[in-house]
Amino acid sequence: MIELARGPLTWVAFALLVGGTIWNLYTRLVLARKDKVVYPYWSTPHAARSILHWVVPFASRNMRLHPLFTIVSFAFHACLLLTPLLVMGHAVLWQESWGLSWWSLPAGVADAMTLVVIGGGVAFIVRRIAAPEVRNVTTWRDHLLILTVIAPFVTGLLAHHQLLPYRAMVTLHIVTGVVWLAAIPFTRLSHMLWFVFMRGYMGSEFGAVRNARDW
């Protein structure tokens, strides 16, 4: 099972990630051209200004109104992206498979960042249950998606510390990671790919058309 997960399933996941991303990008570009609004309204300076204000902590008014959620969200996303790239076990696999090597995180730091991702995911689930304005637009798929995101971190932590049978946890870690990668282009996880375009268009419309801020 480990060899199946590390081999064919991983390649299938990467193929779905790349292929799905390319297809989604192409279809969105075609739809944007048919809409006859996106391209004419697009303003690179206003788009860049909007993106900058939404990727810097507390640069937007909405972030300042919800300081705790802002801290949790930024910490979650930073650890979500950096931990898989810099954790030592993954760095060793990159070097063995592709001859690529880079700096890796100390074990304690990697554990702390993993716990931040797990804790952030739990906080998002609690928020979707407790906050009426979020609960009203939440379905079971949203909860499942959050669990899909944090599952590789839970299984990776359990495997690293051998708190449960090691081979079973490693296999589950790889399988949940594969599911996570494959789901990116086809679920709301795709916001990590399209954030720049969506925020850029909103910044263009607000700034160049309405002469207003969107942050």
N, C-alpha and C. Protein backbone atom coordinates (compact mmCIF):
# COMPACT_ATOMS: atom_id res chain seq x y z
N MET A 1 0.82 -1.21 0.00
CA MET A 1 0.00 0.00 0.00
C MET A 1 0.86 1.26 0.00
N ILE A 2 1.97 1.21 0.76
CA ILE A 2 2.86 2.38 0.79
C ILE A 2 3.43 2.65 -0.59
N GLU A 3 3.88 1.59 -1.26
CA GLU A 3 4.46 1.77 -2.60
C GLU A 3 3.41 2.25 -3.59
N LEU A 4 2.18 1.75 -3.47
CA LEU A 4 1.11 2.21 -4.35
C LEU A 4 0.83 3.69 -4.12
N ALA A 5 0.79 4.08 -2.84
CA ALA A 5 0.51 5.48 -2.51
C ALA A 5 1.64 6.39 -2.94
N ARG A 6 2.89 5.96 -2.71
CA ARG A 6 4.05 6.79 -3.07
C ARG A 6 4.26 6.86 -4.57
N GLY A 7 3.80 5.84 -5.29
CA GLY A 7 4.04 5.79 -6.73
C GLY A 7 2.86 6.25 -7.56
N PRO A 8 2.04 5.31 -8.04
CA PRO A 8 0.95 5.66 -8.96
C PRO A 8 -0.03 6.69 -8.42
N LEU A 9 -0.45 6.55 -7.15
CA LEU A 9 -1.43 7.49 -6.62
C LEU A 9 -0.89 8.91 -6.56
N THR A 10 0.37 9.04 -6.21
CA THR A 10 0.97 10.38 -6.15
C THR A 10 1.05 11.00 -7.54
N TRP A 11 1.43 10.20 -8.53
CA TRP A 11 1.49 10.73 -9.90
C TRP A 11 0.11 11.12 -10.41
N VAL A 12 -0.90 10.31 -10.07
CA VAL A 12 -2.27 10.64 -10.47
C VAL A 12 -2.70 11.95 -9.83
N ALA A 13 -2.35 12.14 -8.56
CA ALA A 13 -2.72 13.37 -7.86
C ALA A 13 -2.08 14.59 -8.51
N PHE A 14 -0.79 14.50 -8.83
CA PHE A 14 -0.12 15.62 -9.47
C PHE A 14 -0.68 15.88 -10.87
N ALA A 15 -1.04 14.81 -11.58
CA ALA A 15 -1.63 14.98 -12.91
C ALA A 15 -2.97 15.68 -12.82
N LEU A 16 -3.79 15.31 -11.83
CA LEU A 16 -5.08 15.98 -11.63
C LEU A 16 -4.88 17.43 -11.21
N LEU A 17 -3.89 17.67 -10.36
CA LEU A 17 -3.62 19.03 -9.92
C LEU A 17 -3.22 19.92 -11.09
N VAL A 18 -2.26 19.47 -11.88
CA VAL A 18 -1.77 20.28 -13.00
C VAL A 18 -2.82 20.36 -14.11
N GLY A 19 -3.38 19.21 -14.48
CA GLY A 19 -4.37 19.20 -15.55
C GLY A 19 -5.62 19.97 -15.19
N GLY A 20 -6.10 19.77 -13.97
CA GLY A 20 -7.29 20.50 -13.53
C GLY A 20 -7.06 21.99 -13.44
N THR A 21 -5.89 22.38 -13.01
CA THR A 21 -5.56 23.81 -12.93
C THR A 21 -5.51 24.45 -14.31
N ILE A 22 -4.86 23.78 -15.24
CA ILE A 22 -4.77 24.31 -16.60
C ILE A 22 -6.16 24.42 -17.23
N TRP A 23 -6.97 23.39 -17.05
CA TRP A 23 -8.32 23.41 -17.62
C TRP A 23 -9.16 24.52 -17.01
N ASN A 24 -9.11 24.65 -15.69
CA ASN A 24 -9.88 25.69 -15.03
C ASN A 24 -9.43 27.08 -15.46
N LEU A 25 -8.13 27.25 -15.60
CA LEU A 25 -7.61 28.54 -16.04
C LEU A 25 -8.10 28.86 -17.45
N TYR A 26 -8.05 27.88 -18.33
CA TYR A 26 -8.50 28.10 -19.71
C TYR A 26 -9.99 28.43 -19.76
N THR A 27 -10.82 27.65 -19.05
CA THR A 27 -12.26 27.89 -19.10
C THR A 27 -12.61 29.24 -18.49
N ARG A 28 -11.92 29.65 -17.44
CA ARG A 28 -12.20 30.95 -16.82
C ARG A 28 -11.78 32.10 -17.73
N LEU A 29 -10.68 31.94 -18.43
CA LEU A 29 -10.26 32.98 -19.36
C LEU A 29 -11.27 33.12 -20.50
N VAL A 30 -11.80 31.98 -20.96
CA VAL A 30 -12.82 32.02 -22.02
C VAL A 30 -14.09 32.68 -21.52
N LEU A 31 -14.54 32.32 -20.31
CA LEU A 31 -15.74 32.92 -19.75
C LEU A 31 -15.56 34.41 -19.51
N ALA A 32 -14.37 34.79 -19.07
CA ALA A 32 -14.12 36.22 -18.83
C ALA A 32 -14.18 37.00 -20.12
N ARG A 33 -13.72 36.40 -21.21
CA ARG A 33 -13.79 37.09 -22.51
C ARG A 33 -15.24 37.21 -22.99
N LYS A 34 -16.04 36.18 -22.75
CA LYS A 34 -17.45 36.24 -23.14
C LYS A 34 -18.21 37.27 -22.31
N ASP A 35 -17.80 37.45 -21.07
CA ASP A 35 -18.48 38.38 -20.18
C ASP A 35 -18.34 39.82 -20.65
N LYS A 36 -17.26 40.12 -21.33
CA LYS A 36 -16.99 41.44 -21.91
C LYS A 36 -16.94 42.55 -20.85
N VAL A 37 -16.60 42.16 -19.64
CA VAL A 37 -16.47 43.13 -18.55
C VAL A 37 -15.11 43.02 -17.88
N VAL A 38 -14.66 41.78 -17.69
CA VAL A 38 -13.45 41.54 -16.91
C VAL A 38 -12.24 42.22 -17.56
N TYR A 39 -12.01 41.94 -18.82
CA TYR A 39 -10.81 42.49 -19.48
C TYR A 39 -10.88 44.01 -19.61
N PRO A 40 -12.00 44.59 -20.04
CA PRO A 40 -12.03 46.06 -20.15
C PRO A 40 -11.86 46.77 -18.81
N TYR A 41 -12.37 46.17 -17.72
CA TYR A 41 -12.32 46.81 -16.41
C TYR A 41 -11.01 46.55 -15.68
N TRP A 42 -10.23 45.61 -16.15
CA TRP A 42 -9.01 45.23 -15.43
C TRP A 42 -8.01 46.39 -15.41
N SER A 43 -7.54 46.69 -14.20
CA SER A 43 -6.55 47.74 -14.01
C SER A 43 -5.43 47.18 -13.15
N THR A 44 -4.28 46.97 -13.73
CA THR A 44 -3.17 46.35 -13.00
C THR A 44 -2.76 47.13 -11.75
N PRO A 45 -2.64 48.46 -11.80
CA PRO A 45 -2.28 49.18 -10.56
C PRO A 45 -3.31 49.00 -9.45
N HIS A 46 -4.61 49.09 -9.79
CA HIS A 46 -5.63 48.91 -8.76
C HIS A 46 -5.70 47.45 -8.30
N ALA A 47 -5.45 46.52 -9.20
CA ALA A 47 -5.44 45.11 -8.83
C ALA A 47 -4.30 44.83 -7.85
N ALA A 48 -3.11 45.33 -8.16
CA ALA A 48 -1.95 45.12 -7.29
C ALA A 48 -2.17 45.76 -5.93
N ARG A 49 -2.77 46.93 -5.90
CA ARG A 49 -3.04 47.62 -4.64
C ARG A 49 -3.99 46.82 -3.77
N SER A 50 -5.02 46.26 -4.39
CA SER A 50 -5.99 45.45 -3.64
C SER A 50 -5.35 44.18 -3.11
N ILE A 51 -4.62 43.49 -3.96
CA ILE A 51 -3.96 42.24 -3.55
C ILE A 51 -3.02 42.49 -2.38
N LEU A 52 -2.25 43.57 -2.46
CA LEU A 52 -1.30 43.90 -1.40
C LEU A 52 -2.01 44.11 -0.07
N HIS A 53 -3.13 44.81 -0.10
CA HIS A 53 -3.85 45.09 1.14
C HIS A 53 -4.49 43.84 1.73
N TRP A 54 -4.76 42.83 0.91
CA TRP A 54 -5.41 41.63 1.43
C TRP A 54 -4.43 40.52 1.78
N VAL A 55 -3.15 40.66 1.44
CA VAL A 55 -2.16 39.65 1.83
C VAL A 55 -1.30 40.14 2.99
N VAL A 56 -1.45 41.38 3.38
CA VAL A 56 -0.73 41.93 4.54
C VAL A 56 -1.66 41.91 5.75
N PRO A 57 -1.25 41.29 6.85
CA PRO A 57 -2.13 41.22 8.02
C PRO A 57 -2.58 42.59 8.50
N PHE A 58 -3.87 42.72 8.74
CA PHE A 58 -4.51 43.92 9.29
C PHE A 58 -4.44 45.14 8.36
N ALA A 59 -4.17 44.90 7.08
CA ALA A 59 -4.14 46.02 6.14
C ALA A 59 -5.53 46.40 5.67
N SER A 60 -6.52 45.51 5.84
CA SER A 60 -7.89 45.82 5.44
C SER A 60 -8.75 46.06 6.68
N ARG A 61 -9.83 46.80 6.50
CA ARG A 61 -10.72 47.12 7.62
C ARG A 61 -11.37 45.86 8.19
N ASN A 62 -11.73 44.93 7.33
CA ASN A 62 -12.37 43.70 7.79
C ASN A 62 -11.45 42.91 8.71
N MET A 63 -10.16 42.91 8.39
CA MET A 63 -9.21 42.21 9.26
C MET A 63 -9.11 42.89 10.62
N ARG A 64 -9.13 44.20 10.62
CA ARG A 64 -9.01 44.92 11.88
C ARG A 64 -10.26 44.75 12.75
N LEU A 65 -11.41 44.52 12.10
CA LEU A 65 -12.64 44.30 12.85
C LEU A 65 -12.68 42.91 13.49
N HIS A 66 -11.89 41.97 12.94
CA HIS A 66 -11.87 40.59 13.45
C HIS A 66 -10.42 40.18 13.70
N PRO A 67 -9.77 40.76 14.70
CA PRO A 67 -8.34 40.54 14.92
C PRO A 67 -7.99 39.08 15.22
N LEU A 68 -8.79 38.41 16.05
CA LEU A 68 -8.48 37.03 16.41
C LEU A 68 -8.55 36.12 15.19
N PHE A 69 -9.62 36.28 14.41
CA PHE A 69 -9.77 35.46 13.21
C PHE A 69 -8.65 35.75 12.21
N THR A 70 -8.22 37.00 12.11
CA THR A 70 -7.14 37.37 11.20
C THR A 70 -5.85 36.67 11.59
N ILE A 71 -5.53 36.68 12.88
CA ILE A 71 -4.31 36.02 13.35
C ILE A 71 -4.36 34.53 13.07
N VAL A 72 -5.49 33.90 13.40
CA VAL A 72 -5.64 32.46 13.18
C VAL A 72 -5.54 32.14 11.69
N SER A 73 -6.19 32.94 10.85
CA SER A 73 -6.21 32.68 9.42
C SER A 73 -4.83 32.81 8.79
N PHE A 74 -4.11 33.87 9.12
CA PHE A 74 -2.78 34.05 8.54
C PHE A 74 -1.81 32.99 9.04
N ALA A 75 -1.87 32.66 10.33
CA ALA A 75 -0.99 31.63 10.87
C ALA A 75 -1.30 30.27 10.22
N PHE A 76 -2.60 29.98 10.06
CA PHE A 76 -3.01 28.73 9.44
C PHE A 76 -2.48 28.61 8.02
N HIS A 77 -2.70 29.64 7.21
CA HIS A 77 -2.31 29.57 5.81
C HIS A 77 -0.79 29.54 5.63
N ALA A 78 -0.07 30.30 6.46
CA ALA A 78 1.39 30.29 6.37
C ALA A 78 1.95 28.91 6.70
N CYS A 79 1.47 28.33 7.77
CA CYS A 79 1.95 27.00 8.17
C CYS A 79 1.48 25.92 7.20
N LEU A 80 0.28 26.10 6.65
CA LEU A 80 -0.25 25.14 5.68
C LEU A 80 0.63 25.04 4.45
N LEU A 81 1.16 26.16 3.99
CA LEU A 81 1.97 26.18 2.78
C LEU A 81 3.43 25.84 3.06
N LEU A 82 3.97 26.32 4.17
CA LEU A 82 5.40 26.16 4.42
C LEU A 82 5.77 24.80 5.00
N THR A 83 4.93 24.26 5.87
CA THR A 83 5.29 23.01 6.55
C THR A 83 5.52 21.86 5.57
N PRO A 84 4.63 21.59 4.60
CA PRO A 84 4.90 20.48 3.68
C PRO A 84 6.18 20.68 2.86
N LEU A 85 6.54 21.91 2.58
CA LEU A 85 7.73 22.17 1.78
C LEU A 85 9.01 22.02 2.59
N LEU A 86 8.96 22.38 3.87
CA LEU A 86 10.19 22.49 4.65
C LEU A 86 10.36 21.41 5.71
N VAL A 87 9.35 20.57 5.94
CA VAL A 87 9.52 19.51 6.93
C VAL A 87 10.60 18.55 6.43
N MET A 88 11.40 18.03 7.36
CA MET A 88 12.59 17.27 6.99
C MET A 88 12.26 16.03 6.17
N GLY A 89 11.22 15.28 6.55
CA GLY A 89 10.89 14.07 5.83
C GLY A 89 10.59 14.32 4.36
N HIS A 90 9.88 15.40 4.07
CA HIS A 90 9.57 15.74 2.68
C HIS A 90 10.82 16.21 1.95
N ALA A 91 11.68 16.98 2.62
CA ALA A 91 12.91 17.46 1.99
C ALA A 91 13.80 16.29 1.59
N VAL A 92 13.86 15.26 2.43
CA VAL A 92 14.65 14.07 2.11
C VAL A 92 14.09 13.37 0.88
N LEU A 93 12.75 13.27 0.79
CA LEU A 93 12.12 12.63 -0.37
C LEU A 93 12.40 13.40 -1.65
N TRP A 94 12.35 14.74 -1.59
CA TRP A 94 12.67 15.54 -2.77
C TRP A 94 14.11 15.29 -3.22
N GLN A 95 15.01 15.18 -2.25
CA GLN A 95 16.42 14.97 -2.60
C GLN A 95 16.63 13.58 -3.19
N GLU A 96 15.98 12.56 -2.59
CA GLU A 96 16.14 11.20 -3.09
C GLU A 96 15.51 11.02 -4.46
N SER A 97 14.36 11.67 -4.69
CA SER A 97 13.62 11.45 -5.94
C SER A 97 14.10 12.33 -7.08
N TRP A 98 14.42 13.59 -6.78
CA TRP A 98 14.71 14.54 -7.84
C TRP A 98 16.08 15.23 -7.71
N GLY A 99 16.79 14.91 -6.66
CA GLY A 99 18.09 15.54 -6.47
C GLY A 99 18.00 16.99 -6.04
N LEU A 100 16.85 17.39 -5.54
CA LEU A 100 16.65 18.77 -5.08
C LEU A 100 16.79 18.82 -3.56
N SER A 101 17.51 19.80 -3.08
CA SER A 101 17.69 19.90 -1.63
C SER A 101 17.57 21.34 -1.20
N TRP A 102 17.00 21.55 -0.03
CA TRP A 102 16.91 22.88 0.56
C TRP A 102 16.82 22.74 2.08
N TRP A 103 16.84 23.88 2.72
CA TRP A 103 16.82 23.92 4.18
C TRP A 103 15.52 23.33 4.71
N SER A 104 15.61 22.59 5.81
CA SER A 104 14.42 21.99 6.41
C SER A 104 14.23 22.50 7.83
N LEU A 105 13.02 22.38 8.31
CA LEU A 105 12.65 22.88 9.63
C LEU A 105 13.17 21.95 10.74
N PRO A 106 13.58 22.50 11.86
CA PRO A 106 13.84 21.65 13.03
C PRO A 106 12.56 20.90 13.41
N ALA A 107 12.72 19.73 13.98
CA ALA A 107 11.57 18.88 14.28
C ALA A 107 10.56 19.58 15.18
N GLY A 108 11.04 20.29 16.20
CA GLY A 108 10.13 20.97 17.12
C GLY A 108 9.33 22.06 16.45
N VAL A 109 9.98 22.80 15.56
CA VAL A 109 9.28 23.87 14.84
C VAL A 109 8.23 23.28 13.90
N ALA A 110 8.61 22.19 13.22
CA ALA A 110 7.66 21.53 12.31
C ALA A 110 6.45 21.02 13.07
N ASP A 111 6.67 20.46 14.25
CA ASP A 111 5.55 20.00 15.08
C ASP A 111 4.64 21.16 15.47
N ALA A 112 5.25 22.27 15.87
CA ALA A 112 4.46 23.44 16.28
C ALA A 112 3.62 23.96 15.12
N MET A 113 4.22 24.04 13.93
CA MET A 113 3.49 24.52 12.76
C MET A 113 2.38 23.56 12.36
N THR A 114 2.64 22.27 12.53
CA THR A 114 1.60 21.27 12.26
C THR A 114 0.42 21.45 13.20
N LEU A 115 0.69 21.70 14.46
CA LEU A 115 -0.37 21.93 15.44
C LEU A 115 -1.15 23.21 15.14
N VAL A 116 -0.45 24.22 14.59
CA VAL A 116 -1.14 25.45 14.19
C VAL A 116 -2.16 25.15 13.09
N VAL A 117 -1.77 24.32 12.12
CA VAL A 117 -2.70 23.97 11.03
C VAL A 117 -3.89 23.19 11.58
N ILE A 118 -3.62 22.21 12.43
CA ILE A 118 -4.71 21.41 12.99
C ILE A 118 -5.63 22.28 13.85
N GLY A 119 -5.03 23.10 14.71
CA GLY A 119 -5.83 23.99 15.55
C GLY A 119 -6.62 24.99 14.73
N GLY A 120 -6.01 25.53 13.67
CA GLY A 120 -6.72 26.46 12.80
C GLY A 120 -7.89 25.80 12.11
N GLY A 121 -7.70 24.57 11.65
CA GLY A 121 -8.80 23.85 11.01
C GLY A 121 -9.96 23.62 11.97
N VAL A 122 -9.65 23.24 13.21
CA VAL A 122 -10.69 23.06 14.21
C VAL A 122 -11.41 24.38 14.48
N ALA A 123 -10.64 25.47 14.56
CA ALA A 123 -11.25 26.78 14.79
C ALA A 123 -12.19 27.17 13.66
N PHE A 124 -11.83 26.85 12.42
CA PHE A 124 -12.70 27.16 11.29
C PHE A 124 -14.00 26.36 11.36
N ILE A 125 -13.91 25.10 11.78
CA ILE A 125 -15.12 24.29 11.91
C ILE A 125 -16.02 24.86 13.00
N VAL A 126 -15.42 25.22 14.13
CA VAL A 126 -16.20 25.81 15.23
C VAL A 126 -16.86 27.10 14.78
N ARG A 127 -16.12 27.91 14.03
CA ARG A 127 -16.68 29.18 13.53
C ARG A 127 -17.86 28.93 12.60
N ARG A 128 -17.76 27.92 11.75
CA ARG A 128 -18.85 27.62 10.83
C ARG A 128 -20.09 27.11 11.57
N ILE A 129 -19.90 26.56 12.74
CA ILE A 129 -21.03 26.08 13.53
C ILE A 129 -21.59 27.19 14.41
N ALA A 130 -20.70 28.01 14.99
CA ALA A 130 -21.12 28.98 16.00
C ALA A 130 -21.57 30.31 15.43
N ALA A 131 -20.96 30.77 14.35
CA ALA A 131 -21.28 32.09 13.80
C ALA A 131 -22.46 31.99 12.84
N PRO A 132 -23.59 32.64 13.14
CA PRO A 132 -24.78 32.50 12.29
C PRO A 132 -24.54 32.91 10.84
N GLU A 133 -23.80 34.00 10.63
CA GLU A 133 -23.59 34.48 9.26
C GLU A 133 -22.77 33.51 8.43
N VAL A 134 -21.96 32.67 9.10
CA VAL A 134 -21.18 31.66 8.38
C VAL A 134 -21.95 30.34 8.32
N ARG A 135 -22.65 30.01 9.39
CA ARG A 135 -23.42 28.77 9.44
C ARG A 135 -24.48 28.74 8.36
N ASN A 136 -25.07 29.87 8.04
CA ASN A 136 -26.15 29.92 7.05
C ASN A 136 -25.68 29.57 5.64
N VAL A 137 -24.38 29.72 5.37
CA VAL A 137 -23.87 29.41 4.02
C VAL A 137 -22.95 28.19 4.05
N THR A 138 -23.02 27.41 5.12
CA THR A 138 -22.16 26.24 5.29
C THR A 138 -22.95 24.96 5.03
N THR A 139 -22.32 24.04 4.32
CA THR A 139 -22.88 22.70 4.12
C THR A 139 -21.89 21.67 4.65
N TRP A 140 -22.30 20.42 4.64
CA TRP A 140 -21.42 19.35 5.11
C TRP A 140 -20.15 19.27 4.28
N ARG A 141 -20.22 19.73 3.02
CA ARG A 141 -19.04 19.69 2.17
C ARG A 141 -17.94 20.61 2.69
N ASP A 142 -18.33 21.73 3.28
CA ASP A 142 -17.34 22.65 3.83
C ASP A 142 -16.59 22.02 5.00
N HIS A 143 -17.31 21.33 5.86
CA HIS A 143 -16.66 20.64 6.98
C HIS A 143 -15.75 19.52 6.47
N LEU A 144 -16.24 18.79 5.48
CA LEU A 144 -15.44 17.70 4.91
C LEU A 144 -14.16 18.24 4.28
N LEU A 145 -14.25 19.41 3.65
CA LEU A 145 -13.09 20.00 3.00
C LEU A 145 -12.03 20.40 4.03
N ILE A 146 -12.47 20.96 5.15
CA ILE A 146 -11.51 21.33 6.21
C ILE A 146 -10.84 20.08 6.76
N LEU A 147 -11.62 19.02 6.97
CA LEU A 147 -11.04 17.77 7.46
C LEU A 147 -10.05 17.19 6.46
N THR A 148 -10.35 17.34 5.17
CA THR A 148 -9.44 16.87 4.13
C THR A 148 -8.11 17.62 4.20
N VAL A 149 -8.17 18.91 4.49
CA VAL A 149 -6.96 19.73 4.55
C VAL A 149 -6.08 19.36 5.74
N ILE A 150 -6.69 19.15 6.90
CA ILE A 150 -5.88 18.90 8.10
C ILE A 150 -5.52 17.42 8.27
N ALA A 151 -6.17 16.53 7.53
CA ALA A 151 -5.90 15.09 7.68
C ALA A 151 -4.43 14.73 7.45
N PRO A 152 -3.77 15.25 6.39
CA PRO A 152 -2.35 14.90 6.21
C PRO A 152 -1.47 15.37 7.37
N PHE A 153 -1.85 16.47 8.00
CA PHE A 153 -1.06 16.97 9.12
C PHE A 153 -1.26 16.11 10.37
N VAL A 154 -2.50 15.68 10.60
CA VAL A 154 -2.77 14.79 11.73
C VAL A 154 -2.03 13.47 11.56
N THR A 155 -2.16 12.85 10.41
CA THR A 155 -1.51 11.56 10.18
C THR A 155 0.01 11.70 10.15
N GLY A 156 0.50 12.80 9.60
CA GLY A 156 1.95 13.02 9.59
C GLY A 156 2.51 13.15 11.00
N LEU A 157 1.80 13.87 11.85
CA LEU A 157 2.23 14.04 13.24
C LEU A 157 2.22 12.70 13.97
N LEU A 158 1.16 11.93 13.77
CA LEU A 158 1.06 10.62 14.41
C LEU A 158 2.15 9.67 13.92
N ALA A 159 2.46 9.74 12.61
CA ALA A 159 3.50 8.88 12.07
C ALA A 159 4.87 9.28 12.59
N HIS A 160 5.14 10.58 12.63
CA HIS A 160 6.45 11.06 13.07
C HIS A 160 6.75 10.64 14.50
N HIS A 161 5.76 10.73 15.37
CA HIS A 161 5.96 10.39 16.78
C HIS A 161 5.59 8.94 17.09
N GLN A 162 5.16 8.19 16.05
CA GLN A 162 4.83 6.77 16.19
C GLN A 162 3.86 6.53 17.35
N LEU A 163 2.83 7.38 17.39
CA LEU A 163 1.82 7.25 18.43
C LEU A 163 0.83 6.13 18.11
N LEU A 164 0.74 5.79 16.83
CA LEU A 164 -0.08 4.67 16.35
C LEU A 164 0.79 3.85 15.41
N PRO A 165 0.32 2.69 14.96
CA PRO A 165 1.17 1.87 14.07
C PRO A 165 1.77 2.69 12.93
N TYR A 166 3.11 2.65 12.84
CA TYR A 166 3.84 3.57 11.97
C TYR A 166 3.49 3.39 10.50
N ARG A 167 3.55 2.18 10.00
CA ARG A 167 3.31 1.96 8.57
C ARG A 167 1.89 2.35 8.18
N ALA A 168 0.94 2.07 9.04
CA ALA A 168 -0.45 2.44 8.75
C ALA A 168 -0.59 3.96 8.69
N MET A 169 0.07 4.68 9.61
CA MET A 169 -0.03 6.13 9.64
C MET A 169 0.69 6.76 8.45
N VAL A 170 1.83 6.20 8.07
CA VAL A 170 2.54 6.71 6.90
C VAL A 170 1.69 6.54 5.64
N THR A 171 1.07 5.37 5.52
CA THR A 171 0.21 5.12 4.36
C THR A 171 -0.96 6.09 4.34
N LEU A 172 -1.60 6.28 5.48
CA LEU A 172 -2.72 7.23 5.56
C LEU A 172 -2.24 8.65 5.30
N HIS A 173 -1.06 8.97 5.75
CA HIS A 173 -0.50 10.30 5.51
C HIS A 173 -0.34 10.56 4.01
N ILE A 174 0.20 9.59 3.30
CA ILE A 174 0.39 9.75 1.86
C ILE A 174 -0.95 9.81 1.14
N VAL A 175 -1.87 8.91 1.52
CA VAL A 175 -3.18 8.86 0.85
C VAL A 175 -3.95 10.15 1.07
N THR A 176 -3.98 10.65 2.31
CA THR A 176 -4.71 11.90 2.57
C THR A 176 -4.04 13.08 1.87
N GLY A 177 -2.71 13.05 1.77
CA GLY A 177 -2.03 14.10 1.03
C GLY A 177 -2.35 14.05 -0.45
N VAL A 178 -2.45 12.85 -0.99
CA VAL A 178 -2.82 12.68 -2.40
C VAL A 178 -4.23 13.21 -2.65
N VAL A 179 -5.15 12.87 -1.76
CA VAL A 179 -6.53 13.36 -1.90
C VAL A 179 -6.56 14.88 -1.85
N TRP A 180 -5.80 15.45 -0.94
CA TRP A 180 -5.73 16.91 -0.79
C TRP A 180 -5.24 17.56 -2.08
N LEU A 181 -4.16 17.06 -2.65
CA LEU A 181 -3.62 17.64 -3.89
C LEU A 181 -4.62 17.51 -5.03
N ALA A 182 -5.21 16.34 -5.17
CA ALA A 182 -6.13 16.11 -6.28
C ALA A 182 -7.39 16.96 -6.16
N ALA A 183 -7.77 17.32 -4.93
CA ALA A 183 -9.00 18.08 -4.72
C ALA A 183 -8.84 19.57 -5.01
N ILE A 184 -7.62 20.06 -5.05
CA ILE A 184 -7.41 21.51 -5.16
C ILE A 184 -8.13 22.15 -6.35
N PRO A 185 -7.99 21.63 -7.58
CA PRO A 185 -8.64 22.33 -8.71
C PRO A 185 -10.15 22.18 -8.76
N PHE A 186 -10.70 21.24 -8.01
CA PHE A 186 -12.11 20.88 -8.17
C PHE A 186 -12.98 21.25 -6.96
N THR A 187 -12.41 21.90 -5.99
CA THR A 187 -13.16 22.28 -4.79
C THR A 187 -12.85 23.74 -4.45
N ARG A 188 -13.36 24.19 -3.30
CA ARG A 188 -13.09 25.56 -2.87
C ARG A 188 -11.62 25.78 -2.52
N LEU A 189 -10.86 24.70 -2.44
CA LEU A 189 -9.42 24.86 -2.24
C LEU A 189 -8.77 25.61 -3.39
N SER A 190 -9.47 25.66 -4.51
CA SER A 190 -8.91 26.35 -5.68
C SER A 190 -8.76 27.85 -5.43
N HIS A 191 -9.30 28.36 -4.32
CA HIS A 191 -9.11 29.79 -4.05
C HIS A 191 -7.63 30.13 -3.89
N MET A 192 -6.81 29.13 -3.53
CA MET A 192 -5.37 29.39 -3.44
C MET A 192 -4.76 29.67 -4.81
N LEU A 193 -5.42 29.19 -5.87
CA LEU A 193 -4.94 29.42 -7.22
C LEU A 193 -5.53 30.68 -7.83
N TRP A 194 -6.79 30.97 -7.50
CA TRP A 194 -7.51 32.06 -8.17
C TRP A 194 -7.62 33.32 -7.33
N PHE A 195 -7.06 33.31 -6.13
CA PHE A 195 -7.15 34.48 -5.27
C PHE A 195 -6.64 35.73 -5.97
N VAL A 196 -5.51 35.63 -6.65
CA VAL A 196 -4.91 36.79 -7.31
C VAL A 196 -5.86 37.37 -8.35
N PHE A 197 -6.50 36.49 -9.13
CA PHE A 197 -7.39 36.96 -10.18
C PHE A 197 -8.68 37.56 -9.61
N MET A 198 -9.27 36.88 -8.62
CA MET A 198 -10.52 37.37 -8.04
C MET A 198 -10.31 38.69 -7.32
N ARG A 199 -9.27 38.73 -6.50
CA ARG A 199 -9.02 39.97 -5.77
C ARG A 199 -8.58 41.08 -6.73
N GLY A 200 -7.83 40.72 -7.76
CA GLY A 200 -7.39 41.70 -8.74
C GLY A 200 -8.55 42.34 -9.48
N TYR A 201 -9.54 41.51 -9.85
CA TYR A 201 -10.70 42.07 -10.55
C TYR A 201 -11.52 42.95 -9.63
N MET A 202 -11.71 42.50 -8.38
CA MET A 202 -12.49 43.32 -7.44
C MET A 202 -11.78 44.66 -7.19
N GLY A 203 -10.47 44.61 -7.06
CA GLY A 203 -9.72 45.85 -6.89
C GLY A 203 -9.83 46.75 -8.10
N SER A 204 -9.84 46.16 -9.28
CA SER A 204 -9.98 46.94 -10.51
C SER A 204 -11.35 47.59 -10.59
N GLU A 205 -12.39 46.83 -10.29
CA GLU A 205 -13.75 47.38 -10.38
C GLU A 205 -13.96 48.49 -9.37
N PHE A 206 -13.53 48.24 -8.12
CA PHE A 206 -13.72 49.25 -7.09
C PHE A 206 -12.87 50.48 -7.35
N GLY A 207 -11.60 50.27 -7.73
CA GLY A 207 -10.69 51.39 -7.87
C GLY A 207 -10.87 52.17 -9.15
N ALA A 208 -10.92 51.45 -10.30
CA ALA A 208 -10.94 52.12 -11.59
C ALA A 208 -12.34 52.55 -12.00
N VAL A 209 -13.39 51.85 -11.52
CA VAL A 209 -14.76 52.14 -11.94
C VAL A 209 -15.51 52.94 -10.87
N ARG A 210 -15.47 52.46 -9.64
CA ARG A 210 -16.24 53.10 -8.57
C ARG A 210 -15.44 54.16 -7.82
N ASN A 211 -14.13 54.21 -8.09
CA ASN A 211 -13.26 55.14 -7.36
C ASN A 211 -13.38 54.97 -5.84
N ALA A 212 -13.38 53.71 -5.42
CA ALA A 212 -13.52 53.39 -4.00
C ALA A 212 -12.53 52.29 -3.64
N ARG A 213 -12.28 52.13 -2.36
CA ARG A 213 -11.42 51.08 -1.87
C ARG A 213 -12.21 49.80 -1.66
N ASP A 214 -11.57 48.67 -1.83
CA ASP A 214 -12.22 47.39 -1.54
C ASP A 214 -11.58 46.74 -0.32
N TRP A 215 -10.89 47.53 0.46
CA TRP A 215 -10.32 47.00 1.69
C TRP A 215 -10.69 47.85 2.90
